[in-house]
Amino acid sequence: MTTNINPEEEFLVNSTPGMPGGQNSFWVNKIYSAFPAFHSSNYRRYFTGQLVSMIGTWMQIVAQSWLVLQLTDSVFLIGLVMALSTTPTLLFTLFGGVVVDRFPKKKILFFTQICAMILAFTLGILTVFNWITIWEICAIAFLLGTVNAIDAPARQAFVTELVDREQLSSAIALNSGVFNTARVIGPSIAGVLIAVIGTGGAFLINALSYVAVIMALKRIKTTATVSQSITSPIQAIKEGITYSFTHPIIRTLFVVIAIVSIF
């Protein structure tokens, strides 16, 4: 079965130099058949921006650990910084989900990406000028973790506004692919950058990587879906927890994810 492509997709088909349009069309149709979410131009923009940004994020994770080791020669402090970056996600993600449910997701992502970019830029400047200490690293790690507590649920929920319902499973699978691809590529690039331009330069390049998501968000046109619930945030969190643990499938997924995350 031949997959129909829109004019924007046809431009992509015919724009690759050195390949006949028909051959391009064959491969584009193959990709779109395998990953229906790519039919959405909004999702393609988001996917590209997110991939660049996530690679930058994993670069920073590696560079940050290396910087702590250089400054303190303490494995304990490396673990402390990692804990400070993940603890806010554990503590505030439920609240972040309520926020995402009640405000336009695109605006939330603009806010979180700009905040993360500022934090990465600050870390880079402090490092480049040798003003950095372990305490600034701890503070920035905690603040970035807090931003991620809102950013993570916003990213996941925003996908539902970018694709049709029948394309949603494809979009979710591609998002997982973005994370795992970035987790492999990011640390590799970080190693090269640290050797060539130092940890400060790696942080600054990560700050620039957020521009990819911000520009993608600017080009995305969606109709925002916002909950009109008048339930208090605390009550909404309680209802979410109750529903999750009384629904057998969701409860099982929680248990499986918890086991995988711990071990």
C-alpha atoms as a PDB file:
ATOM      1  CA  MET A   1       0.000   0.000   0.000  1.00  0.00           C
ATOM      2  CA  THR A   2       1.375   3.437  -0.959  1.00  0.00           C
ATOM      3  CA  THR A   3       1.457   6.100   1.736  1.00  0.00           C
ATOM      4  CA  ASN A   4       0.237   9.538   0.663  1.00  0.00           C
ATOM      5  CA  ILE A   5       2.460  12.440   1.627  1.00  0.00           C
ATOM      6  CA  ASN A   6       1.583  16.100   1.924  1.00  0.00           C
ATOM      7  CA  PRO A   7       3.405  18.949   0.071  1.00  0.00           C
ATOM      8  CA  GLU A   8       5.835  19.553   2.949  1.00  0.00           C
ATOM      9  CA  GLU A   9       6.699  15.860   3.021  1.00  0.00           C
ATOM     10  CA  GLU A  10       7.107  15.891  -0.784  1.00  0.00           C
ATOM     11  CA  PHE A  11       9.634  18.715  -0.433  1.00  0.00           C
ATOM     12  CA  LEU A  12      11.605  16.502   1.955  1.00  0.00           C
ATOM     13  CA  VAL A  13      11.349  13.643  -0.532  1.00  0.00           C
ATOM     14  CA  ASN A  14      12.854  15.644  -3.401  1.00  0.00           C
ATOM     15  CA  SER A  15      15.368  17.721  -1.446  1.00  0.00           C
ATOM     16  CA  THR A  16      18.033  15.062  -0.774  1.00  0.00           C
ATOM     17  CA  PRO A  17      20.899  15.660  -3.244  1.00  0.00           C
ATOM     18  CA  GLY A  18      22.240  12.807  -5.317  1.00  0.00           C
ATOM     19  CA  MET A  19      19.129  10.625  -5.125  1.00  0.00           C
ATOM     20  CA  PRO A  20      16.245  10.396  -7.625  1.00  0.00           C
ATOM     21  CA  GLY A  21      12.920  11.629  -6.282  1.00  0.00           C
ATOM     22  CA  GLY A  22      11.335   8.223  -6.755  1.00  0.00           C
ATOM     23  CA  GLN A  23      13.975   6.533  -4.607  1.00  0.00           C
ATOM     24  CA  ASN A  24      13.581   9.230  -1.964  1.00  0.00           C
ATOM     25  CA  SER A  25       9.828   8.714  -2.052  1.00  0.00           C
ATOM     26  CA  PHE A  26      10.285   4.987  -1.504  1.00  0.00           C
ATOM     27  CA  TRP A  27      12.349   5.502   1.651  1.00  0.00           C
ATOM     28  CA  VAL A  28      10.121   8.266   2.995  1.00  0.00           C
ATOM     29  CA  ASN A  29       7.080   6.054   2.506  1.00  0.00           C
ATOM     30  CA  LYS A  30       8.881   3.228   4.314  1.00  0.00           C
ATOM     31  CA  ILE A  31       9.696   5.490   7.258  1.00  0.00           C
ATOM     32  CA  TYR A  32       6.159   6.847   7.445  1.00  0.00           C
ATOM     33  CA  SER A  33       4.711   3.339   7.253  1.00  0.00           C
ATOM     34  CA  ALA A  34       6.939   2.166  10.103  1.00  0.00           C
ATOM     35  CA  PHE A  35       6.442   5.331  12.179  1.00  0.00           C
ATOM     36  CA  PRO A  36       3.024   6.886  11.430  1.00  0.00           C
ATOM     37  CA  ALA A  37       3.692   9.728  13.897  1.00  0.00           C
ATOM     38  CA  PHE A  38       6.083  11.246  11.329  1.00  0.00           C
ATOM     39  CA  HIS A  39       3.066  12.102   9.163  1.00  0.00           C
ATOM     40  CA  SER A  40       2.533  14.992  11.573  1.00  0.00           C
ATOM     41  CA  SER A  41       4.795  17.939  10.698  1.00  0.00           C
ATOM     42  CA  ASN A  42       4.321  19.181  14.265  1.00  0.00           C
ATOM     43  CA  TYR A  43       5.634  15.913  15.650  1.00  0.00           C
ATOM     44  CA  ARG A  44       8.594  15.843  13.249  1.00  0.00           C
ATOM     45  CA  ARG A  45       9.660  19.276  14.489  1.00  0.00           C
ATOM     46  CA  TYR A  46       9.223  18.265  18.104  1.00  0.00           C
ATOM     47  CA  PHE A  47      11.079  14.978  17.575  1.00  0.00           C
ATOM     48  CA  THR A  48      14.088  16.722  15.996  1.00  0.00           C
ATOM     49  CA  GLY A  49      14.299  19.428  18.643  1.00  0.00           C
ATOM     50  CA  GLN A  50      13.885  16.946  21.461  1.00  0.00           C
ATOM     51  CA  LEU A  51      16.616  14.659  20.092  1.00  0.00           C
ATOM     52  CA  VAL A  52      19.148  17.509  19.941  1.00  0.00           C
ATOM     53  CA  SER A  53      18.193  18.740  23.410  1.00  0.00           C
ATOM     54  CA  MET A  54      18.294  15.280  25.005  1.00  0.00           C
ATOM     55  CA  ILE A  55      21.760  14.619  23.589  1.00  0.00           C
ATOM     56  CA  GLY A  56      22.845  17.889  25.198  1.00  0.00           C
ATOM     57  CA  THR A  57      21.262  16.878  28.499  1.00  0.00           C
ATOM     58  CA  TRP A  58      23.198  13.600  28.616  1.00  0.00           C
ATOM     59  CA  MET A  59      26.357  15.495  27.729  1.00  0.00           C
ATOM     60  CA  GLN A  60      25.803  17.686  30.773  1.00  0.00           C
ATOM     61  CA  ILE A  61      25.138  14.719  33.075  1.00  0.00           C
ATOM     62  CA  VAL A  62      28.517  13.208  32.194  1.00  0.00           C
ATOM     63  CA  ALA A  63      30.388  16.530  32.225  1.00  0.00           C
ATOM     64  CA  GLN A  64      28.855  17.455  35.578  1.00  0.00           C
ATOM     65  CA  SER A  65      30.012  14.212  37.205  1.00  0.00           C
ATOM     66  CA  TRP A  66      33.486  14.670  35.766  1.00  0.00           C
ATOM     67  CA  LEU A  67      33.623  18.253  37.083  1.00  0.00           C
ATOM     68  CA  VAL A  68      32.630  17.136  40.589  1.00  0.00           C
ATOM     69  CA  LEU A  69      35.349  14.485  40.493  1.00  0.00           C
ATOM     70  CA  GLN A  70      37.914  17.074  39.396  1.00  0.00           C
ATOM     71  CA  LEU A  71      36.914  19.525  42.124  1.00  0.00           C
ATOM     72  CA  THR A  72      36.503  17.133  45.048  1.00  0.00           C
ATOM     73  CA  ASP A  73      37.917  13.709  44.119  1.00  0.00           C
ATOM     74  CA  SER A  74      34.900  12.360  46.035  1.00  0.00           C
ATOM     75  CA  VAL A  75      32.660   9.575  44.776  1.00  0.00           C
ATOM     76  CA  PHE A  76      30.227  10.431  47.588  1.00  0.00           C
ATOM     77  CA  LEU A  77      29.784  13.982  46.286  1.00  0.00           C
ATOM     78  CA  ILE A  78      29.206  12.697  42.761  1.00  0.00           C
ATOM     79  CA  GLY A  79      26.375  10.596  44.178  1.00  0.00           C
ATOM     80  CA  LEU A  80      25.082  13.554  46.188  1.00  0.00           C
ATOM     81  CA  VAL A  81      24.877  15.765  43.100  1.00  0.00           C
ATOM     82  CA  MET A  82      23.058  13.018  41.196  1.00  0.00           C
ATOM     83  CA  ALA A  83      20.655  12.589  44.116  1.00  0.00           C
ATOM     84  CA  LEU A  84      19.984  16.328  44.226  1.00  0.00           C
ATOM     85  CA  SER A  85      19.137  16.296  40.521  1.00  0.00           C
ATOM     86  CA  THR A  86      16.709  13.364  40.800  1.00  0.00           C
ATOM     87  CA  THR A  87      15.083  13.952  44.206  1.00  0.00           C
ATOM     88  CA  PRO A  88      12.929  16.897  43.012  1.00  0.00           C
ATOM     89  CA  THR A  89      11.553  14.679  40.267  1.00  0.00           C
ATOM     90  CA  LEU A  90      10.512  12.136  42.892  1.00  0.00           C
ATOM     91  CA  LEU A  91       9.018  14.796  45.167  1.00  0.00           C
ATOM     92  CA  PHE A  92       7.380  17.188  42.711  1.00  0.00           C
ATOM     93  CA  THR A  93       6.370  15.187  39.621  1.00  0.00           C
ATOM     94  CA  LEU A  94       2.830  14.605  40.929  1.00  0.00           C
ATOM     95  CA  PHE A  95       2.432  18.342  41.428  1.00  0.00           C
ATOM     96  CA  GLY A  96       3.988  18.872  37.999  1.00  0.00           C
ATOM     97  CA  GLY A  97       1.322  16.642  36.486  1.00  0.00           C
ATOM     98  CA  VAL A  98      -1.405  18.813  38.015  1.00  0.00           C
ATOM     99  CA  VAL A  99       0.253  21.955  36.625  1.00  0.00           C
ATOM    100  CA  VAL A 100       0.515  20.401  33.161  1.00  0.00           C
ATOM    101  CA  ASP A 101      -3.154  19.434  33.282  1.00  0.00           C
ATOM    102  CA  ARG A 102      -4.269  23.004  34.030  1.00  0.00           C
ATOM    103  CA  PHE A 103      -2.080  25.148  31.797  1.00  0.00           C
ATOM    104  CA  PRO A 104      -1.210  25.080  28.069  1.00  0.00           C
ATOM    105  CA  LYS A 105       1.496  22.467  27.635  1.00  0.00           C
ATOM    106  CA  LYS A 106       3.326  24.382  24.918  1.00  0.00           C
ATOM    107  CA  LYS A 107       3.725  27.416  27.200  1.00  0.00           C
ATOM    108  CA  ILE A 108       4.908  25.196  30.050  1.00  0.00           C
ATOM    109  CA  LEU A 109       7.553  23.652  27.783  1.00  0.00           C
ATOM    110  CA  PHE A 110       8.702  27.094  26.653  1.00  0.00           C
ATOM    111  CA  PHE A 111       9.143  28.029  30.305  1.00  0.00           C
ATOM    112  CA  THR A 112      10.939  24.836  31.354  1.00  0.00           C
ATOM    113  CA  GLN A 113      13.274  24.808  28.348  1.00  0.00           C
ATOM    114  CA  ILE A 114      14.271  28.445  28.877  1.00  0.00           C
ATOM    115  CA  CYS A 115      14.872  27.792  32.593  1.00  0.00           C
ATOM    116  CA  ALA A 116      17.003  24.729  31.809  1.00  0.00           C
ATOM    117  CA  MET A 117      18.954  26.696  29.201  1.00  0.00           C
ATOM    118  CA  ILE A 118      19.675  29.490  31.709  1.00  0.00           C
ATOM    119  CA  LEU A 119      20.852  26.966  34.316  1.00  0.00           C
ATOM    120  CA  ALA A 120      23.136  25.206  31.817  1.00  0.00           C
ATOM    121  CA  PHE A 121      24.523  28.550  30.637  1.00  0.00           C
ATOM    122  CA  THR A 122      25.141  29.643  34.239  1.00  0.00           C
ATOM    123  CA  LEU A 123      26.953  26.394  35.008  1.00  0.00           C
ATOM    124  CA  GLY A 124      29.050  26.822  31.872  1.00  0.00           C
ATOM    125  CA  ILE A 125      30.053  30.428  32.625  1.00  0.00           C
ATOM    126  CA  LEU A 126      30.939  29.638  36.242  1.00  0.00           C
ATOM    127  CA  THR A 127      33.065  26.716  35.093  1.00  0.00           C
ATOM    128  CA  VAL A 128      34.825  28.533  32.245  1.00  0.00           C
ATOM    129  CA  PHE A 129      35.897  31.364  34.572  1.00  0.00           C
ATOM    130  CA  ASN A 130      36.845  28.970  37.402  1.00  0.00           C
ATOM    131  CA  TRP A 131      34.225  30.457  39.742  1.00  0.00           C
ATOM    132  CA  ILE A 132      32.507  27.131  40.297  1.00  0.00           C
ATOM    133  CA  THR A 133      32.432  25.254  43.609  1.00  0.00           C
ATOM    134  CA  ILE A 134      30.630  22.108  44.683  1.00  0.00           C
ATOM    135  CA  TRP A 135      27.891  24.210  46.279  1.00  0.00           C
ATOM    136  CA  GLU A 136      26.962  25.954  43.021  1.00  0.00           C
ATOM    137  CA  ILE A 137      26.893  22.572  41.304  1.00  0.00           C
ATOM    138  CA  CYS A 138      24.579  21.190  44.006  1.00  0.00           C
ATOM    139  CA  ALA A 139      22.256  24.197  43.764  1.00  0.00           C
ATOM    140  CA  ILE A 140      22.045  24.079  39.970  1.00  0.00           C
ATOM    141  CA  ALA A 141      21.498  20.295  40.019  1.00  0.00           C
ATOM    142  CA  PHE A 142      18.591  20.700  42.445  1.00  0.00           C
ATOM    143  CA  LEU A 143      17.038  23.561  40.447  1.00  0.00           C
ATOM    144  CA  LEU A 144      17.362  21.621  37.203  1.00  0.00           C
ATOM    145  CA  GLY A 145      15.749  18.596  38.847  1.00  0.00           C
ATOM    146  CA  THR A 146      12.855  20.813  39.931  1.00  0.00           C
ATOM    147  CA  VAL A 147      12.443  22.096  36.369  1.00  0.00           C
ATOM    148  CA  ASN A 148      12.467  18.500  35.098  1.00  0.00           C
ATOM    149  CA  ALA A 149       9.678  17.582  37.541  1.00  0.00           C
ATOM    150  CA  ILE A 150       7.397  19.829  35.487  1.00  0.00           C
ATOM    151  CA  ASP A 151       9.083  19.377  32.124  1.00  0.00           C
ATOM    152  CA  ALA A 152       8.866  15.562  32.037  1.00  0.00           C
ATOM    153  CA  PRO A 153       5.069  15.261  32.378  1.00  0.00           C
ATOM    154  CA  ALA A 154       4.635  18.235  30.025  1.00  0.00           C
ATOM    155  CA  ARG A 155       6.740  16.542  27.338  1.00  0.00           C
ATOM    156  CA  GLN A 156       4.754  13.322  27.608  1.00  0.00           C
ATOM    157  CA  ALA A 157       1.360  15.016  27.617  1.00  0.00           C
ATOM    158  CA  PHE A 158       2.237  17.401  24.774  1.00  0.00           C
ATOM    159  CA  VAL A 159       2.660  14.494  22.364  1.00  0.00           C
ATOM    160  CA  THR A 160      -1.106  13.873  22.488  1.00  0.00           C
ATOM    161  CA  GLU A 161      -1.629  17.328  20.943  1.00  0.00           C
ATOM    162  CA  LEU A 162       0.801  16.664  18.083  1.00  0.00           C
ATOM    163  CA  VAL A 163      -0.536  13.427  16.585  1.00  0.00           C
ATOM    164  CA  ASP A 164      -3.838  11.707  15.899  1.00  0.00           C
ATOM    165  CA  ARG A 165      -5.019   8.995  18.242  1.00  0.00           C
ATOM    166  CA  GLU A 166      -4.022   6.179  15.883  1.00  0.00           C
ATOM    167  CA  GLN A 167      -0.488   7.631  15.669  1.00  0.00           C
ATOM    168  CA  LEU A 168      -0.047   7.956  19.436  1.00  0.00           C
ATOM    169  CA  SER A 169       1.576   4.561  20.059  1.00  0.00           C
ATOM    170  CA  SER A 170       4.109   5.330  17.323  1.00  0.00           C
ATOM    171  CA  ALA A 171       4.879   8.723  18.887  1.00  0.00           C
ATOM    172  CA  ILE A 172       5.369   7.177  22.337  1.00  0.00           C
ATOM    173  CA  ALA A 173       7.732   4.559  20.893  1.00  0.00           C
ATOM    174  CA  LEU A 174       9.713   7.252  19.068  1.00  0.00           C
ATOM    175  CA  ASN A 175       9.977   9.307  22.266  1.00  0.00           C
ATOM    176  CA  SER A 176      11.462   6.288  24.005  1.00  0.00           C
ATOM    177  CA  GLY A 177      13.857   5.930  21.085  1.00  0.00           C
ATOM    178  CA  VAL A 178      14.921   9.562  21.467  1.00  0.00           C
ATOM    179  CA  PHE A 179      15.751   9.022  25.137  1.00  0.00           C
ATOM    180  CA  ASN A 180      17.758   5.843  24.550  1.00  0.00           C
ATOM    181  CA  THR A 181      19.563   7.227  21.499  1.00  0.00           C
ATOM    182  CA  ALA A 182      20.548  10.364  23.405  1.00  0.00           C
ATOM    183  CA  ARG A 183      21.697   8.242  26.343  1.00  0.00           C
ATOM    184  CA  VAL A 184      24.182   6.499  24.020  1.00  0.00           C
ATOM    185  CA  ILE A 185      25.300   9.451  21.880  1.00  0.00           C
ATOM    186  CA  GLY A 186      25.367  12.178  24.550  1.00  0.00           C
ATOM    187  CA  PRO A 187      28.043  10.678  26.833  1.00  0.00           C
ATOM    188  CA  SER A 188      30.214   9.828  23.818  1.00  0.00           C
ATOM    189  CA  ILE A 189      30.106  13.422  22.588  1.00  0.00           C
ATOM    190  CA  ALA A 190      30.684  14.661  26.141  1.00  0.00           C
ATOM    191  CA  GLY A 191      33.923  12.696  26.365  1.00  0.00           C
ATOM    192  CA  VAL A 192      35.237  14.292  23.179  1.00  0.00           C
ATOM    193  CA  LEU A 193      34.137  17.806  24.175  1.00  0.00           C
ATOM    194  CA  ILE A 194      35.645  17.552  27.663  1.00  0.00           C
ATOM    195  CA  ALA A 195      38.970  16.545  26.120  1.00  0.00           C
ATOM    196  CA  VAL A 196      38.881  19.322  23.507  1.00  0.00           C
ATOM    197  CA  ILE A 197      37.177  22.337  25.132  1.00  0.00           C
ATOM    198  CA  GLY A 198      36.708  21.309  28.765  1.00  0.00           C
ATOM    199  CA  THR A 199      33.647  20.795  30.948  1.00  0.00           C
ATOM    200  CA  GLY A 200      32.650  24.468  30.778  1.00  0.00           C
ATOM    201  CA  GLY A 201      32.468  24.311  26.997  1.00  0.00           C
ATOM    202  CA  ALA A 202      30.355  21.157  27.184  1.00  0.00           C
ATOM    203  CA  PHE A 203      27.883  22.938  29.472  1.00  0.00           C
ATOM    204  CA  LEU A 204      27.663  25.911  27.100  1.00  0.00           C
ATOM    205  CA  ILE A 205      27.016  23.646  24.114  1.00  0.00           C
ATOM    206  CA  ASN A 206      24.253  21.957  26.103  1.00  0.00           C
ATOM    207  CA  ALA A 207      22.756  25.404  26.744  1.00  0.00           C
ATOM    208  CA  LEU A 208      22.733  26.002  22.981  1.00  0.00           C
ATOM    209  CA  SER A 209      21.047  22.627  22.396  1.00  0.00           C
ATOM    210  CA  TYR A 210      17.904  23.921  24.103  1.00  0.00           C
ATOM    211  CA  VAL A 211      17.506  26.376  21.231  1.00  0.00           C
ATOM    212  CA  ALA A 212      16.529  23.399  19.035  1.00  0.00           C
ATOM    213  CA  VAL A 213      13.480  22.610  21.193  1.00  0.00           C
ATOM    214  CA  ILE A 214      12.553  26.270  21.655  1.00  0.00           C
ATOM    215  CA  MET A 215      12.639  26.892  17.886  1.00  0.00           C
ATOM    216  CA  ALA A 216      10.653  23.704  17.262  1.00  0.00           C
ATOM    217  CA  LEU A 217       8.010  24.806  19.771  1.00  0.00           C
ATOM    218  CA  LYS A 218       7.751  28.211  18.068  1.00  0.00           C
ATOM    219  CA  ARG A 219       6.931  26.497  14.765  1.00  0.00           C
ATOM    220  CA  ILE A 220       4.420  24.032  16.199  1.00  0.00           C
ATOM    221  CA  LYS A 221       0.772  24.993  15.756  1.00  0.00           C
ATOM    222  CA  THR A 222      -1.633  23.185  18.069  1.00  0.00           C
ATOM    223  CA  THR A 223      -4.900  23.708  19.877  1.00  0.00           C
ATOM    224  CA  ALA A 224      -4.155  23.682  23.601  1.00  0.00           C
ATOM    225  CA  THR A 225      -6.134  21.268  25.771  1.00  0.00           C
ATOM    226  CA  VAL A 226      -6.519  22.477  29.340  1.00  0.00           C
ATOM    227  CA  SER A 227      -8.495  20.841  32.136  1.00  0.00           C
ATOM    228  CA  GLN A 228     -11.369  22.953  33.459  1.00  0.00           C
ATOM    229  CA  SER A 229     -11.406  21.084  36.766  1.00  0.00           C
ATOM    230  CA  ILE A 230     -11.999  23.159  39.899  1.00  0.00           C
ATOM    231  CA  THR A 231     -10.566  20.416  42.119  1.00  0.00           C
ATOM    232  CA  SER A 232      -7.750  21.598  44.381  1.00  0.00           C
ATOM    233  CA  PRO A 233      -4.223  20.449  43.413  1.00  0.00           C
ATOM    234  CA  ILE A 234      -3.940  18.300  46.560  1.00  0.00           C
ATOM    235  CA  GLN A 235      -7.271  16.629  45.845  1.00  0.00           C
ATOM    236  CA  ALA A 236      -6.271  16.057  42.216  1.00  0.00           C
ATOM    237  CA  ILE A 237      -3.040  14.365  43.340  1.00  0.00           C
ATOM    238  CA  LYS A 238      -4.965  12.158  45.786  1.00  0.00           C
ATOM    239  CA  GLU A 239      -7.436  11.161  43.081  1.00  0.00           C
ATOM    240  CA  GLY A 240      -4.584  10.341  40.688  1.00  0.00           C
ATOM    241  CA  ILE A 241      -2.811   8.148  43.250  1.00  0.00           C
ATOM    242  CA  THR A 242      -6.041   6.379  44.189  1.00  0.00           C
ATOM    243  CA  TYR A 243      -6.926   5.702  40.561  1.00  0.00           C
ATOM    244  CA  SER A 244      -3.412   4.459  39.740  1.00  0.00           C
ATOM    245  CA  PHE A 245      -3.335   1.936  42.582  1.00  0.00           C
ATOM    246  CA  THR A 246      -6.903   0.694  42.090  1.00  0.00           C
ATOM    247  CA  HIS A 247      -6.500   0.166  38.329  1.00  0.00           C
ATOM    248  CA  PRO A 248      -4.842  -3.277  37.957  1.00  0.00           C
ATOM    249  CA  ILE A 249      -2.974  -2.572  34.706  1.00  0.00           C
ATOM    250  CA  ILE A 250      -1.575   0.789  35.841  1.00  0.00           C
ATOM    251  CA  ARG A 251      -0.674  -0.661  39.244  1.00  0.00           C
ATOM    252  CA  THR A 252       1.252  -3.491  37.583  1.00  0.00           C
ATOM    253  CA  LEU A 253       3.096  -1.039  35.337  1.00  0.00           C
ATOM    254  CA  PHE A 254       4.107   1.023  38.377  1.00  0.00           C
ATOM    255  CA  VAL A 255       5.522  -2.055  40.091  1.00  0.00           C
ATOM    256  CA  VAL A 256       7.456  -3.157  36.988  1.00  0.00           C
ATOM    257  CA  ILE A 257       8.900   0.332  36.412  1.00  0.00           C
ATOM    258  CA  ALA A 258       9.890   0.627  40.080  1.00  0.00           C
ATOM    259  CA  ILE A 259      11.713  -2.724  40.003  1.00  0.00           C
ATOM    260  CA  VAL A 260      13.545  -1.867  36.763  1.00  0.00           C
ATOM    261  CA  SER A 261      14.518   1.586  38.066  1.00  0.00           C
ATOM    262  CA  ILE A 262      15.901   0.230  41.348  1.00  0.00           C
ATOM    263  CA  PHE A 263      17.892  -2.645  39.880  1.00  0.00           C
END
